Amino acid sequence: MTVESLAPLAWLTIAIGVICCLYIALDQRHRPPPMMKIMLWVWPVNALWAGPLAIWAYRAIGNGGKPRISADAPAQAPGGMGDMHHGMGKMVGHDMGAMHHDMSNMTGHDMAGMHHDMANMADHGMAGMHHGMPKRPFWQSIVAGTLHCGAGCTLADLVTPWLFAAAPFLVLASPVFGEWTLAYLLALVIGVGFQYGGLLGMVPETGAALVWRALKVDFFSLSAWQVGMYGWMGFAIFGVFGPLHPTEPAFWLMMQLAMACGFVTAYPMNWLLVKTGVKSPM
């Protein structure tokens, strides 16, 4: 098996990946947005290596399974938004007046009861809201979290080969290890950014504290992903083909397979991180 003999298959898988990426990117424009906006990047980026499997995940786990948004739906809705706004204004004005009248007639006992009820709402309201929301199966949550990590790795490995080709260096006397080091550091930076975007607004931390939390979460997940990815690329480079260059289609075929191996090794790590409470389920 040679690099040249793999060129037709490599071009086919590259084309499939790009087509699937574009499909998801365009389809997302017609679906309700995900709760975590960063997932708008996660699904199409992973499609570059996972192809149709990424579309399946997007439809089964992501917002691709939600009903499509019709552009003219608001205009066809009975009454329209203008009528609803007008009606709400009238209702609020009437109800606020009635509420003010009722509150003025409330006794101290009634006020104490209302205060007690509001305290119970504060304690149990969020739990009830969470219970009422649809909850995906645990394995789907882990898949989403693993792909969230994989998107950062994928973007880093799209950029790194070209950066390294422009300015190569050695690590342990090997250019391969030099490129892998650069890819790992860049993936960590991008991955922390993805984790930050996913955690923002979902946890109490902000600023530097949130960056530190994102770093702790992404370090273990990303490192596990890179183990699988580097394992496959090491086999391809040192065991089969020899050095590969990003201008060769076979390089990107090997990278697609390496990403799949990265997913396999990162999945159990994400499972462990969620089970131990280090990472929140997605």
Protein backbone atom coordinates (compact mmCIF):
# COMPACT_ATOMS: atom_id res chain seq x y z
CA MET A 1 0.00 0.00 0.00
CA THR A 2 1.37 3.40 -1.03
CA VAL A 3 0.36 7.01 -0.53
CA GLU A 4 -0.41 7.30 -4.23
CA SER A 5 -2.71 4.27 -4.25
CA LEU A 6 -4.82 5.83 -1.49
CA ALA A 7 -5.32 9.13 -3.33
CA PRO A 8 -8.72 8.29 -4.95
CA LEU A 9 -10.19 7.02 -1.66
CA ALA A 10 -8.74 10.00 0.18
CA TRP A 11 -10.27 12.51 -2.21
CA LEU A 12 -13.63 10.74 -1.85
CA THR A 13 -13.60 10.86 1.96
CA ILE A 14 -12.45 14.49 1.93
CA ALA A 15 -15.31 15.42 -0.41
CA ILE A 16 -17.84 13.54 1.73
CA GLY A 17 -16.59 15.31 4.84
CA VAL A 18 -16.84 18.76 3.26
CA ILE A 19 -20.33 18.06 1.89
CA CYS A 20 -21.57 16.83 5.27
CA CYS A 21 -20.02 19.86 6.97
CA LEU A 22 -21.81 22.23 4.57
CA TYR A 23 -25.09 20.33 4.95
CA ILE A 24 -25.09 20.70 8.73
CA ALA A 25 -23.97 24.33 8.59
CA LEU A 26 -26.82 25.21 6.22
CA ASP A 27 -29.43 23.04 7.95
CA GLN A 28 -28.73 24.70 11.31
CA ARG A 29 -30.00 27.97 9.89
CA HIS A 30 -33.48 26.43 9.68
CA ARG A 31 -33.55 24.84 13.15
CA PRO A 32 -34.08 26.32 16.60
CA PRO A 33 -30.67 27.28 18.03
CA PRO A 34 -29.10 24.98 20.64
CA MET A 35 -28.97 26.07 24.26
CA MET A 36 -25.15 26.09 24.02
CA LYS A 37 -24.33 28.30 21.05
CA ILE A 38 -20.88 26.74 20.70
CA MET A 39 -22.58 23.57 19.41
CA LEU A 40 -23.29 25.43 16.18
CA TRP A 41 -19.57 24.91 15.49
CA VAL A 42 -19.25 21.45 16.98
CA TRP A 43 -21.51 19.54 14.59
CA PRO A 44 -20.19 20.82 11.22
CA VAL A 45 -16.54 20.75 12.29
CA ASN A 46 -16.77 17.10 13.34
CA ALA A 47 -18.46 16.29 10.04
CA LEU A 48 -15.13 16.97 8.30
CA TRP A 49 -13.82 13.66 9.63
CA ALA A 50 -16.97 11.76 10.67
CA GLY A 51 -19.02 12.50 7.53
CA PRO A 52 -22.48 10.87 7.60
CA LEU A 53 -21.94 9.73 11.21
CA ALA A 54 -21.78 13.38 12.23
CA ILE A 55 -25.07 14.04 10.43
CA TRP A 56 -26.62 11.14 12.33
CA ALA A 57 -25.34 12.56 15.64
CA TYR A 58 -26.55 16.04 14.71
CA ARG A 59 -30.03 14.71 13.92
CA ALA A 60 -30.25 12.27 16.85
CA ILE A 61 -28.54 14.30 19.58
CA GLY A 62 -28.22 17.89 18.38
CA ASN A 63 -30.67 20.51 17.23
CA GLY A 64 -31.01 18.76 13.87
CA GLY A 65 -33.77 16.67 15.38
CA LYS A 66 -35.91 19.72 16.15
CA PRO A 67 -38.69 20.80 13.75
CA ARG A 68 -37.60 23.15 11.01
CA ILE A 69 -38.44 26.82 11.43
CA SER A 70 -40.77 28.18 8.75
CA ALA A 71 -39.79 31.66 7.59
CA ASP A 72 -43.42 32.75 7.16
CA ALA A 73 -44.76 31.05 10.30
CA PRO A 74 -45.01 34.26 12.37
CA ALA A 75 -46.98 36.00 9.61
CA GLN A 76 -49.47 33.11 9.36
CA ALA A 77 -49.93 32.71 13.09
CA PRO A 78 -53.46 33.66 14.22
CA GLY A 79 -53.59 37.20 15.52
CA GLY A 80 -49.89 37.89 14.86
CA MET A 81 -47.30 39.18 17.25
CA GLY A 82 -48.71 42.70 17.13
CA ASP A 83 -52.13 41.55 18.33
CA MET A 84 -50.54 39.43 21.02
CA HIS A 85 -48.42 42.35 22.23
CA HIS A 86 -51.51 44.61 22.30
CA GLY A 87 -53.52 42.00 24.16
CA MET A 88 -50.76 41.45 26.69
CA GLY A 89 -50.50 45.18 27.26
CA LYS A 90 -54.22 45.42 28.02
CA MET A 91 -54.10 42.34 30.20
CA VAL A 92 -51.06 43.55 32.15
CA GLY A 93 -52.64 46.96 32.73
CA HIS A 94 -55.90 45.43 33.96
CA ASP A 95 -54.24 42.72 36.05
CA MET A 96 -51.71 45.05 37.65
CA GLY A 97 -54.55 47.29 38.80
CA ALA A 98 -56.40 44.32 40.23
CA MET A 99 -53.24 43.02 41.88
CA HIS A 100 -52.59 46.38 43.53
CA HIS A 101 -56.17 46.42 44.84
CA ASP A 102 -55.90 42.87 46.16
CA MET A 103 -52.55 43.49 47.83
CA SER A 104 -53.88 46.56 49.59
CA ASN A 105 -56.59 44.37 51.14
CA MET A 106 -54.22 41.57 52.20
CA THR A 107 -53.70 41.01 55.91
CA GLY A 108 -50.38 40.38 57.64
CA HIS A 109 -51.25 36.67 57.74
CA ASP A 110 -51.82 36.64 53.99
CA MET A 111 -48.51 38.38 53.37
CA ALA A 112 -46.67 35.84 55.52
CA GLY A 113 -48.31 33.01 53.58
CA MET A 114 -47.31 34.56 50.26
CA HIS A 115 -43.73 34.97 51.50
CA HIS A 116 -43.65 31.28 52.50
CA ASP A 117 -44.97 30.21 49.10
CA MET A 118 -42.40 32.33 47.27
CA ALA A 119 -39.61 30.79 49.37
CA ASN A 120 -40.77 27.33 48.39
CA MET A 121 -40.83 28.38 44.75
CA ALA A 122 -37.24 29.60 44.98
CA ASP A 123 -36.12 26.33 46.57
CA HIS A 124 -37.96 23.96 44.27
CA GLY A 125 -38.70 25.90 41.10
CA MET A 126 -35.41 25.19 39.32
CA ALA A 127 -35.52 21.52 40.27
CA GLY A 128 -39.03 21.25 38.88
CA MET A 129 -38.04 23.06 35.71
CA HIS A 130 -35.09 20.70 35.20
CA HIS A 131 -37.31 17.70 35.87
CA GLY A 132 -39.82 18.87 33.30
CA MET A 133 -37.24 19.34 30.55
CA PRO A 134 -36.57 16.40 28.20
CA LYS A 135 -33.40 14.60 29.26
CA ARG A 136 -31.28 12.79 26.70
CA PRO A 137 -29.86 9.32 27.51
CA PHE A 138 -26.55 9.36 29.34
CA TRP A 139 -24.59 7.89 26.45
CA GLN A 140 -25.86 10.62 24.13
CA SER A 141 -24.73 13.24 26.62
CA ILE A 142 -21.25 11.69 26.63
CA VAL A 143 -21.17 11.58 22.81
CA ALA A 144 -22.05 15.29 22.68
CA GLY A 145 -19.38 16.14 25.24
CA THR A 146 -16.77 14.06 23.42
CA LEU A 147 -17.56 15.68 20.08
CA HIS A 148 -17.42 19.07 21.80
CA CYS A 149 -13.80 18.23 22.66
CA GLY A 150 -13.19 16.76 19.21
CA ALA A 151 -14.18 19.98 17.46
CA GLY A 152 -11.29 21.84 19.08
CA CYS A 153 -8.87 19.06 18.17
CA THR A 154 -10.14 19.00 14.59
CA LEU A 155 -9.70 22.74 14.09
CA ALA A 156 -6.19 22.61 15.57
CA ASP A 157 -5.20 19.72 13.30
CA LEU A 158 -6.51 21.54 10.25
CA VAL A 159 -4.22 24.49 10.95
CA THR A 160 -1.13 22.91 12.53
CA PRO A 161 0.32 21.08 9.47
CA TRP A 162 0.49 24.33 7.53
CA LEU A 163 1.95 26.30 10.43
CA PHE A 164 4.55 23.63 11.05
CA ALA A 165 5.44 23.41 7.35
CA ALA A 166 6.15 27.14 7.43
CA ALA A 167 8.27 26.98 10.61
CA PRO A 168 9.34 23.41 11.47
CA PHE A 169 11.25 22.48 14.63
CA LEU A 170 12.39 19.31 16.37
CA VAL A 171 11.25 17.69 19.61
CA LEU A 172 13.29 14.67 20.74
CA ALA A 173 15.22 15.05 17.48
CA SER A 174 12.05 14.36 15.45
CA PRO A 175 10.01 16.74 13.30
CA VAL A 176 6.97 14.49 13.81
CA PHE A 177 7.09 15.01 17.57
CA GLY A 178 7.62 18.71 16.98
CA GLU A 179 4.45 18.90 14.90
CA TRP A 180 2.52 16.86 17.45
CA THR A 181 3.63 19.19 20.23
CA LEU A 182 2.45 22.22 18.30
CA ALA A 183 -0.85 20.49 17.49
CA TYR A 184 -1.43 19.60 21.14
CA LEU A 185 -0.78 23.13 22.41
CA LEU A 186 -2.96 24.69 19.71
CA ALA A 187 -5.72 22.14 20.35
CA LEU A 188 -5.58 22.96 24.06
CA VAL A 189 -5.96 26.68 23.38
CA ILE A 190 -8.89 26.14 21.00
CA GLY A 191 -10.40 23.47 23.24
CA VAL A 192 -10.35 25.75 26.27
CA GLY A 193 -12.09 28.38 24.15
CA PHE A 194 -14.77 25.83 23.23
CA GLN A 195 -15.17 24.79 26.87
CA TYR A 196 -15.35 28.43 27.94
CA GLY A 197 -18.09 29.07 25.37
CA GLY A 198 -19.99 26.01 26.56
CA LEU A 199 -19.73 26.89 30.27
CA LEU A 200 -20.42 30.61 29.90
CA GLY A 201 -23.74 31.40 31.50
CA MET A 202 -24.19 27.81 32.66
CA VAL A 203 -21.96 28.01 35.77
CA PRO A 204 -21.44 30.74 38.37
CA GLU A 205 -17.77 31.35 37.51
CA THR A 206 -16.72 34.16 35.18
CA GLY A 207 -13.46 35.61 33.89
CA ALA A 208 -10.21 33.94 34.98
CA ALA A 209 -12.04 31.48 37.24
CA LEU A 210 -14.09 30.25 34.29
CA VAL A 211 -10.98 29.95 32.11
CA TRP A 212 -9.32 27.83 34.81
CA ARG A 213 -12.36 25.59 35.06
CA ALA A 214 -12.46 25.20 31.27
CA LEU A 215 -8.76 24.32 31.27
CA LYS A 216 -9.19 21.62 33.91
CA VAL A 217 -12.11 20.08 32.05
CA ASP A 218 -10.53 20.21 28.60
CA PHE A 219 -7.04 19.04 29.62
CA PHE A 220 -8.12 15.49 30.47
CA SER A 221 -10.64 15.14 27.66
CA LEU A 222 -8.33 16.57 25.01
CA SER A 223 -5.33 14.55 26.21
CA ALA A 224 -7.36 11.36 25.93
CA TRP A 225 -8.43 12.34 22.41
CA GLN A 226 -4.83 13.03 21.38
CA VAL A 227 -3.73 9.61 22.66
CA GLY A 228 -5.95 7.89 20.13
CA MET A 229 -5.15 10.35 17.38
CA TYR A 230 -1.38 10.19 17.82
CA GLY A 231 -1.56 6.43 18.20
CA TRP A 232 -3.07 6.06 14.75
CA MET A 233 -0.83 8.67 13.12
CA GLY A 234 2.23 7.04 14.70
CA PHE A 235 1.17 3.70 13.21
CA ALA A 236 0.62 5.32 9.79
CA ILE A 237 3.89 7.27 9.78
CA PHE A 238 6.31 4.93 11.54
CA GLY A 239 4.74 1.63 10.58
CA VAL A 240 3.25 2.00 7.09
CA PHE A 241 3.87 5.07 4.94
CA GLY A 242 6.73 7.05 6.40
CA PRO A 243 6.51 10.86 6.60
CA LEU A 244 3.24 12.34 5.32
CA HIS A 245 2.76 15.88 4.01
CA PRO A 246 -0.47 17.92 4.15
CA THR A 247 -0.36 18.39 0.39
CA GLU A 248 -0.96 14.63 0.00
CA PRO A 249 -4.62 13.50 0.10
CA ALA A 250 -3.59 10.38 2.03
CA PHE A 251 -2.44 12.60 4.90
CA TRP A 252 -5.99 13.87 5.41
CA LEU A 253 -7.46 10.37 5.08
CA MET A 254 -5.13 9.26 7.87
CA MET A 255 -6.16 12.32 9.89
CA GLN A 256 -9.84 11.42 9.50
CA LEU A 257 -9.13 7.93 10.79
CA ALA A 258 -6.99 9.39 13.58
CA MET A 259 -9.90 11.58 14.69
CA ALA A 260 -12.13 8.52 14.86
CA CYS A 261 -9.52 6.83 17.07
CA GLY A 262 -9.40 9.99 19.19
CA PHE A 263 -13.14 9.79 19.72
CA VAL A 264 -12.82 6.15 20.86
CA THR A 265 -10.17 6.99 23.48
CA ALA A 266 -11.85 10.23 24.63
CA TYR A 267 -15.32 8.75 25.14
CA PRO A 268 -14.45 6.77 28.31
CA MET A 269 -12.53 9.76 29.69
CA ASN A 270 -15.57 12.01 29.21
CA TRP A 271 -17.74 9.34 30.83
CA LEU A 272 -15.42 9.34 33.85
CA LEU A 273 -15.27 13.14 34.03
CA VAL A 274 -19.06 13.39 34.08
CA LYS A 275 -19.49 10.55 36.57
CA THR A 276 -17.00 12.14 38.97
CA GLY A 277 -18.56 15.60 38.62
CA VAL A 278 -15.53 17.23 37.00
CA LYS A 279 -17.49 17.84 33.82
CA SER A 280 -21.19 18.62 33.47
CA PRO A 281 -23.31 16.45 31.14
CA MET A 282 -24.27 18.09 27.85
